[in-house]
Amino acid sequence: MSLPLIPPMLATPGTLPPAAQDARWAYETKQDGQRAVVYLEGDGSLLLRARSGEDITAAYPELRPLGGALGTTRAVLDGEILALDEQGRADFQLLQSRMGLAHAPTRAARMAAQTPVHLVLFDVMHLADRSLVTLPYTRRRGRLEELGLSGPFWSTPGALVGHGAQALRATREHGLEGLVCKRLDSVYEPGVRSRAWIKIRNMRTEDVIVGGWLPGKGRLTGLPGALLVGQRAAGKLRYVGGVGTGWSEAERTQLAGLLRACASDVCPFDPVPQVAGAHWVLPRLVGEVRFSVRTRSGMLRQPSWVRLRPDLAPEDAAADLPDDGV
C-alpha cells in the first residue's frame, strides 16, 4: 500500500499569542524557502512534493540519500527546502536558481554542486503505517525528534515552548524572516490554513498578483515603469496599488518578458481602477511587496517590489479588504 498523499497544513498571518497563553504555544523559526512534503517508502526511495502537489524530487538530487535514513520505516514528513547564504541564513533568491528543475535532471545535478540546498524538517504526519494527523503537535513533534533525522543536507531544528516575545526578538536581531507559532494541542490539518499555526513576518510584506503595468519613460522605454497589483478578496481581484521601485535592471527586463507573455485586453481587477495608459495582463504572476501601511480603503502605501514568487499560486495572494473595494 502506497503512502497517503497529504497536502501541507498552512499558517495564518497574525501576531504573538497573548502573554497569558504563551506557555500553550511552541515557536519555530519561519523559513524562507520552498515547502515540501517528504515521502519515505521504506525502500530507500524519496519523493518530494511541493505545496501544489507537484513532484519536485528530481530538482534536488542531494536530498535523495534521505530516502534511506529511516531504514524500512515508512514516513510522511513536512519541511522546507532552503538555500543558505554565507551566514547560514535562508536566501530565497539563491533558491530560485534551483526551483523549476524537476524536468531537467542534468542541470539540477550541476546546480546541486554549485548551490546545495538544506531541508529543515518540522512535522511528521504518517509513521510506520500509522496516521499521526490527529495527534497533538507535542506528540508529533516528539516522534519527529525521536527519529534523529540529521544529515549533510537535512536537519530537525528545535522548537521553543513559551517565551514567544523573546523568540520573535531573536529572529529580528539575527535577520531572520520571522516566527511560526504553533498551538501545543493542535492536530495536523492537511491543506487547511489554520489559526492553530500563526506566522509572523518581521518585514511588513504581502503577496500580490500582477494585473497590469505602466510603461516606463526615458531609459526605461519598452520596460515596465510600474506594476499594477491586486489581492483576492470576496472572490474578486481587488486593485491595491502601483509598485514602481525595488527592481534591478536585470529584474525589470525579466519582468518585461513575463508581462508580454501574459498580455490581455481585459482588465482583471474588479472594480476597474482608473489608471491612464495601463496595459493589462492575465493574473498569473505572484510577487511579494514591502509597504509601510495599508490605507482604510485597502491600498498599499509606499509599496516597493521585493521579488517574484514562482512558488505561489494566484489564489494564495488573498487579503482582508473592505467589502466595497478601493
Protein backbone atom coordinates (compact mmCIF):
# COMPACT_ATOMS: atom_id res chain seq x y z
CA MET A 1 0.00 0.00 0.00
CA SER A 2 1.41 3.38 -1.01
CA LEU A 3 1.70 6.24 1.44
CA PRO A 4 -1.25 8.66 1.60
CA LEU A 5 -0.88 11.99 -0.19
CA ILE A 6 -1.08 14.71 2.47
CA PRO A 7 -1.25 18.39 1.47
CA PRO A 8 0.65 20.60 3.94
CA MET A 9 -1.06 22.45 6.76
CA LEU A 10 -0.76 26.23 6.34
CA ALA A 11 -0.21 29.01 8.86
CA THR A 12 -2.36 32.13 9.17
CA PRO A 13 -0.69 35.56 9.29
CA GLY A 14 -1.06 37.14 12.71
CA THR A 15 0.63 38.33 15.89
CA LEU A 16 2.02 36.70 19.00
CA PRO A 17 -0.48 34.90 21.25
CA PRO A 18 -1.50 36.80 24.39
CA ALA A 19 1.12 36.63 27.13
CA ALA A 20 -1.27 34.67 29.37
CA GLN A 21 -1.38 31.90 26.73
CA ASP A 22 2.32 31.93 25.88
CA ALA A 23 3.04 28.57 27.57
CA ARG A 24 0.42 26.87 25.37
CA TRP A 25 2.40 27.57 22.20
CA ALA A 26 5.61 26.39 20.56
CA TYR A 27 7.72 28.73 18.46
CA GLU A 28 9.73 27.81 15.38
CA THR A 29 11.83 29.99 13.07
CA LYS A 30 9.93 30.94 9.92
CA GLN A 31 12.00 29.73 6.99
CA ASP A 32 12.24 31.44 3.60
CA GLY A 33 12.24 28.54 1.18
CA GLN A 34 10.08 26.05 -0.71
CA ARG A 35 7.62 23.99 1.28
CA ALA A 36 7.95 20.26 0.69
CA VAL A 37 6.12 17.15 1.86
CA VAL A 38 8.59 14.26 2.10
CA TYR A 39 7.56 10.66 1.38
CA LEU A 40 9.83 7.83 2.55
CA GLU A 41 8.55 4.45 1.33
CA GLY A 42 10.97 2.40 3.44
CA ASP A 43 12.73 1.00 0.37
CA GLY A 44 15.40 3.71 0.11
CA SER A 45 13.34 5.89 -2.21
CA LEU A 46 12.46 9.54 -1.68
CA LEU A 47 9.57 11.57 -3.08
CA LEU A 48 9.29 15.34 -2.61
CA ARG A 49 6.05 17.15 -3.37
CA ALA A 50 5.67 20.93 -3.47
CA ARG A 51 2.73 22.68 -1.88
CA SER A 52 0.92 22.43 -5.22
CA GLY A 53 1.35 18.64 -5.20
CA GLU A 54 3.96 18.72 -7.98
CA ASP A 55 6.70 16.11 -7.83
CA ILE A 56 9.92 18.13 -7.35
CA THR A 57 12.22 15.25 -6.34
CA ALA A 58 14.49 15.48 -9.36
CA ALA A 59 15.23 19.17 -8.72
CA TYR A 60 17.11 18.32 -5.50
CA PRO A 61 19.34 15.26 -6.08
CA GLU A 62 21.43 15.93 -2.96
CA LEU A 63 18.38 15.05 -0.82
CA ARG A 64 17.98 11.53 -2.26
CA PRO A 65 20.09 9.83 0.49
CA LEU A 66 17.40 10.90 2.97
CA GLY A 67 15.33 8.08 1.44
CA GLY A 68 17.33 5.53 3.40
CA ALA A 69 17.64 7.48 6.65
CA LEU A 70 14.84 5.53 8.42
CA GLY A 71 15.66 2.11 7.04
CA THR A 72 12.44 0.21 6.31
CA THR A 73 10.25 2.58 8.33
CA ARG A 74 7.78 4.42 6.11
CA ALA A 75 7.02 8.06 6.85
CA VAL A 76 5.48 11.29 5.58
CA LEU A 77 7.27 14.40 6.82
CA ASP A 78 6.73 18.14 6.50
CA GLY A 79 9.56 20.56 5.88
CA GLU A 80 11.07 23.46 3.97
CA ILE A 81 13.83 23.38 1.36
CA LEU A 82 16.33 26.22 1.82
CA ALA A 83 19.33 27.67 0.05
CA LEU A 84 21.68 29.18 2.62
CA ASP A 85 23.88 32.24 2.22
CA GLU A 86 27.40 32.60 3.59
CA GLN A 87 26.00 33.45 7.02
CA GLY A 88 23.87 30.33 7.07
CA ARG A 89 20.60 32.22 6.54
CA ALA A 90 17.93 31.21 4.05
CA ASP A 91 18.17 33.17 0.79
CA PHE A 92 15.15 32.76 -1.48
CA GLN A 93 16.91 34.38 -4.41
CA LEU A 94 19.59 31.69 -4.25
CA LEU A 95 16.89 29.02 -4.07
CA GLN A 96 15.21 30.31 -7.21
CA SER A 97 18.15 29.02 -9.24
CA ARG A 98 17.24 25.52 -8.01
CA MET A 99 13.48 25.67 -8.35
CA GLY A 100 11.80 24.56 -11.55
CA LEU A 101 14.47 21.98 -12.45
CA ALA A 102 12.38 18.87 -11.77
CA HIS A 103 12.33 18.12 -15.51
CA ALA A 104 15.99 19.00 -16.10
CA PRO A 105 17.94 16.43 -14.05
CA THR A 106 21.30 17.12 -15.68
CA ARG A 107 21.10 20.82 -14.89
CA ALA A 108 19.72 20.03 -11.42
CA ALA A 109 22.78 17.90 -10.68
CA ARG A 110 25.11 20.67 -11.85
CA MET A 111 23.29 23.28 -9.74
CA ALA A 112 23.33 20.97 -6.71
CA ALA A 113 27.11 21.10 -6.78
CA GLN A 114 27.11 24.89 -7.05
CA THR A 115 24.23 25.79 -4.73
CA PRO A 116 23.31 22.87 -2.47
CA VAL A 117 20.06 23.04 -0.55
CA HIS A 118 19.22 22.14 3.04
CA LEU A 119 15.92 20.57 4.12
CA VAL A 120 14.60 21.51 7.55
CA LEU A 121 12.00 19.11 8.96
CA PHE A 122 9.36 20.27 11.42
CA ASP A 123 6.50 17.74 11.45
CA VAL A 124 5.62 14.08 10.86
CA MET A 125 2.13 13.18 9.61
CA HIS A 126 2.49 9.44 8.99
CA LEU A 127 4.88 6.93 10.54
CA ALA A 128 5.21 3.15 10.31
CA ASP A 129 1.83 2.70 8.56
CA ARG A 130 0.02 4.84 11.12
CA SER A 131 -1.51 8.28 10.55
CA LEU A 132 -0.40 10.86 13.12
CA VAL A 133 -2.50 13.80 11.89
CA THR A 134 -4.99 13.53 14.79
CA LEU A 135 -2.25 13.60 17.42
CA PRO A 136 -1.48 16.94 19.12
CA TYR A 137 1.55 18.91 17.98
CA THR A 138 3.55 17.98 21.10
CA ARG A 139 3.27 14.25 20.40
CA ARG A 140 4.01 14.61 16.70
CA ARG A 141 6.99 16.81 17.48
CA GLY A 142 8.26 14.26 19.99
CA ARG A 143 8.01 11.45 17.43
CA LEU A 144 9.83 13.57 14.86
CA GLU A 145 12.71 14.33 17.23
CA GLU A 146 12.99 10.63 18.16
CA LEU A 147 13.72 9.85 14.50
CA GLY A 148 17.03 11.70 14.80
CA LEU A 149 16.93 13.00 11.24
CA SER A 150 20.17 14.91 10.83
CA GLY A 151 22.44 14.67 7.81
CA PRO A 152 24.63 16.65 5.45
CA PHE A 153 21.63 18.23 3.69
CA TRP A 154 18.81 17.92 6.24
CA SER A 155 18.13 18.60 9.91
CA THR A 156 15.39 18.89 12.52
CA PRO A 157 15.71 22.34 14.15
CA GLY A 158 14.45 22.72 17.67
CA ALA A 159 11.19 24.33 18.78
CA LEU A 160 10.85 26.58 21.83
CA VAL A 161 7.83 26.20 24.13
CA GLY A 162 6.81 29.55 25.59
CA HIS A 163 8.95 32.70 25.53
CA GLY A 164 7.38 33.87 22.25
CA ALA A 165 8.36 37.54 22.63
CA GLN A 166 11.99 36.61 23.18
CA ALA A 167 11.92 34.21 20.22
CA LEU A 168 10.49 36.85 17.90
CA ARG A 169 13.05 39.40 19.07
CA ALA A 170 15.85 36.89 18.40
CA THR A 171 14.68 36.37 14.81
CA ARG A 172 14.76 40.13 14.26
CA GLU A 173 18.20 40.51 15.80
CA HIS A 174 19.58 37.73 13.58
CA GLY A 175 17.97 39.00 10.39
CA LEU A 176 15.63 36.01 10.04
CA GLU A 177 12.29 36.11 8.25
CA GLY A 178 10.10 35.63 11.28
CA LEU A 179 8.40 33.17 13.57
CA VAL A 180 5.76 30.44 13.35
CA CYS A 181 3.66 29.96 16.47
CA LYS A 182 2.06 26.51 16.88
CA ARG A 183 -0.53 25.65 19.49
CA LEU A 184 0.68 22.68 21.54
CA ASP A 185 -2.65 20.85 21.32
CA SER A 186 -3.16 21.43 17.58
CA VAL A 187 -3.84 18.49 15.28
CA TYR A 188 -2.41 18.46 11.75
CA GLU A 189 -4.99 19.87 9.33
CA PRO A 190 -3.97 18.83 5.78
CA GLY A 191 -4.41 21.63 3.26
CA VAL A 192 -6.04 23.97 5.79
CA ARG A 193 -4.86 27.49 6.61
CA SER A 194 -5.36 27.20 10.34
CA ARG A 195 -5.44 29.65 13.23
CA ALA A 196 -3.68 26.97 15.26
CA TRP A 197 -0.50 27.94 13.38
CA ILE A 198 0.32 31.66 13.26
CA LYS A 199 3.09 33.11 11.09
CA ILE A 200 4.73 36.43 11.89
CA ARG A 201 6.93 38.18 9.32
CA ASN A 202 9.41 40.71 10.63
CA MET A 203 9.05 42.82 7.50
CA ARG A 204 5.65 44.23 6.60
CA THR A 205 5.29 42.37 3.34
CA GLU A 206 2.44 40.72 1.49
CA ASP A 207 1.94 38.66 -1.65
CA VAL A 208 0.18 40.31 -4.57
CA ILE A 209 -0.99 39.40 -8.06
CA VAL A 210 0.20 41.41 -11.05
CA GLY A 211 -2.79 42.54 -13.12
CA GLY A 212 -1.22 45.20 -15.29
CA TRP A 213 1.64 47.61 -15.81
CA LEU A 214 2.53 51.10 -16.87
CA PRO A 215 5.28 51.66 -19.46
CA GLY A 216 8.49 53.35 -18.37
CA LYS A 217 9.83 56.55 -19.84
CA GLY A 218 13.27 57.73 -20.97
CA ARG A 219 15.84 55.00 -20.42
CA LEU A 220 13.01 52.70 -19.31
CA THR A 221 11.16 52.95 -22.64
CA GLY A 222 9.89 49.48 -23.55
CA LEU A 223 10.19 48.30 -19.95
CA PRO A 224 7.64 48.38 -17.11
CA GLY A 225 7.80 51.62 -15.14
CA ALA A 226 5.29 50.34 -12.57
CA LEU A 227 3.32 47.18 -11.90
CA LEU A 228 -0.38 47.34 -11.05
CA VAL A 229 -1.08 44.79 -8.35
CA GLY A 230 -4.05 43.35 -6.53
CA GLN A 231 -5.14 40.76 -3.98
CA ARG A 232 -8.01 38.30 -3.83
CA ALA A 233 -10.92 39.29 -1.60
CA ALA A 234 -14.53 38.08 -1.65
CA GLY A 235 -13.92 36.19 -4.88
CA LYS A 236 -12.61 39.24 -6.75
CA LEU A 237 -9.17 40.58 -7.62
CA ARG A 238 -9.06 43.98 -5.93
CA TYR A 239 -6.57 46.62 -7.03
CA VAL A 240 -4.29 47.65 -4.14
CA GLY A 241 -1.77 49.96 -5.82
CA GLY A 242 1.07 50.55 -8.24
CA VAL A 243 4.63 49.44 -7.49
CA GLY A 244 7.38 51.38 -9.23
CA THR A 245 10.54 50.64 -7.22
CA GLY A 246 12.56 47.71 -5.98
CA TRP A 247 13.97 46.13 -9.16
CA SER A 248 17.43 45.83 -10.55
CA GLU A 249 17.84 46.43 -14.28
CA ALA A 250 18.02 42.68 -14.90
CA GLU A 251 14.86 42.03 -12.87
CA ARG A 252 12.96 44.75 -14.72
CA THR A 253 13.97 43.19 -18.05
CA GLN A 254 12.87 39.76 -16.82
CA LEU A 255 9.51 41.17 -15.75
CA ALA A 256 9.06 42.78 -19.17
CA GLY A 257 9.32 39.38 -20.83
CA LEU A 258 6.89 37.77 -18.39
CA LEU A 259 4.38 40.58 -18.85
CA ARG A 260 4.48 40.27 -22.63
CA ALA A 261 3.82 36.54 -22.33
CA CYS A 262 0.58 37.06 -20.40
CA ALA A 263 -0.75 40.22 -22.11
CA SER A 264 -4.53 40.62 -22.14
CA ASP A 265 -7.13 43.06 -23.49
CA VAL A 266 -9.26 42.61 -20.39
CA CYS A 267 -8.67 44.28 -17.01
CA PRO A 268 -8.56 41.56 -14.32
CA PHE A 269 -9.38 43.94 -11.45
CA ASP A 270 -12.89 44.35 -10.06
CA PRO A 271 -13.70 47.20 -9.87
CA VAL A 272 -11.56 48.54 -12.73
CA PRO A 273 -9.07 51.11 -11.40
CA GLN A 274 -8.87 54.49 -13.09
CA VAL A 275 -5.26 54.27 -14.25
CA ALA A 276 -4.45 56.02 -17.52
CA GLY A 277 -2.23 54.20 -20.02
CA ALA A 278 -2.44 50.83 -18.30
CA HIS A 279 -1.55 47.57 -20.07
CA TRP A 280 -3.46 44.59 -18.66
CA VAL A 281 -2.17 41.04 -18.17
CA LEU A 282 -3.66 37.71 -17.20
CA PRO A 283 -3.46 37.48 -13.38
CA ARG A 284 -0.85 34.73 -13.21
CA LEU A 285 2.27 36.36 -11.76
CA VAL A 286 2.59 36.46 -7.98
CA GLY A 287 5.07 38.75 -6.28
CA GLU A 288 5.99 39.95 -2.81
CA VAL A 289 5.90 43.67 -1.97
CA ARG A 290 7.07 45.63 1.05
CA PHE A 291 5.00 48.58 2.24
CA SER A 292 4.62 50.99 5.16
CA VAL A 293 0.90 50.82 5.97
CA ARG A 294 -2.40 49.91 4.35
CA THR A 295 -4.97 52.69 3.96
CA ARG A 296 -8.55 52.30 5.20
CA SER A 297 -9.63 51.58 1.64
CA GLY A 298 -7.09 48.76 1.39
CA MET A 299 -4.42 50.47 -0.72
CA LEU A 300 -0.75 49.86 -0.01
CA ARG A 301 1.21 52.99 0.89
CA GLN A 302 4.78 53.36 -0.42
CA PRO A 303 4.98 49.83 -1.84
CA SER A 304 8.24 48.51 -3.27
CA TRP A 305 8.91 45.27 -5.08
CA VAL A 306 10.70 42.51 -3.18
CA ARG A 307 10.67 39.50 -5.52
CA LEU A 308 8.68 37.22 -7.76
CA ARG A 309 7.07 34.27 -6.00
CA PRO A 310 7.02 31.41 -8.56
CA ASP A 311 6.33 29.01 -5.68
CA LEU A 312 2.88 30.53 -5.03
CA ALA A 313 -0.37 30.26 -6.96
CA PRO A 314 -2.51 33.39 -7.59
CA GLU A 315 -5.17 32.24 -5.12
CA ASP A 316 -2.55 32.43 -2.34
CA ALA A 317 -2.44 36.25 -2.60
CA ALA A 318 -5.54 36.96 -0.54
CA ALA A 319 -6.23 39.85 1.83
CA ASP A 320 -8.85 41.13 4.24
CA LEU A 321 -10.01 44.17 2.25
CA PRO A 322 -13.03 46.43 2.75
CA ASP A 323 -16.24 44.98 1.27
CA ASP A 324 -16.72 47.96 -1.06
CA GLY A 325 -13.28 47.61 -2.63
CA VAL A 326 -10.99 50.52 -3.44
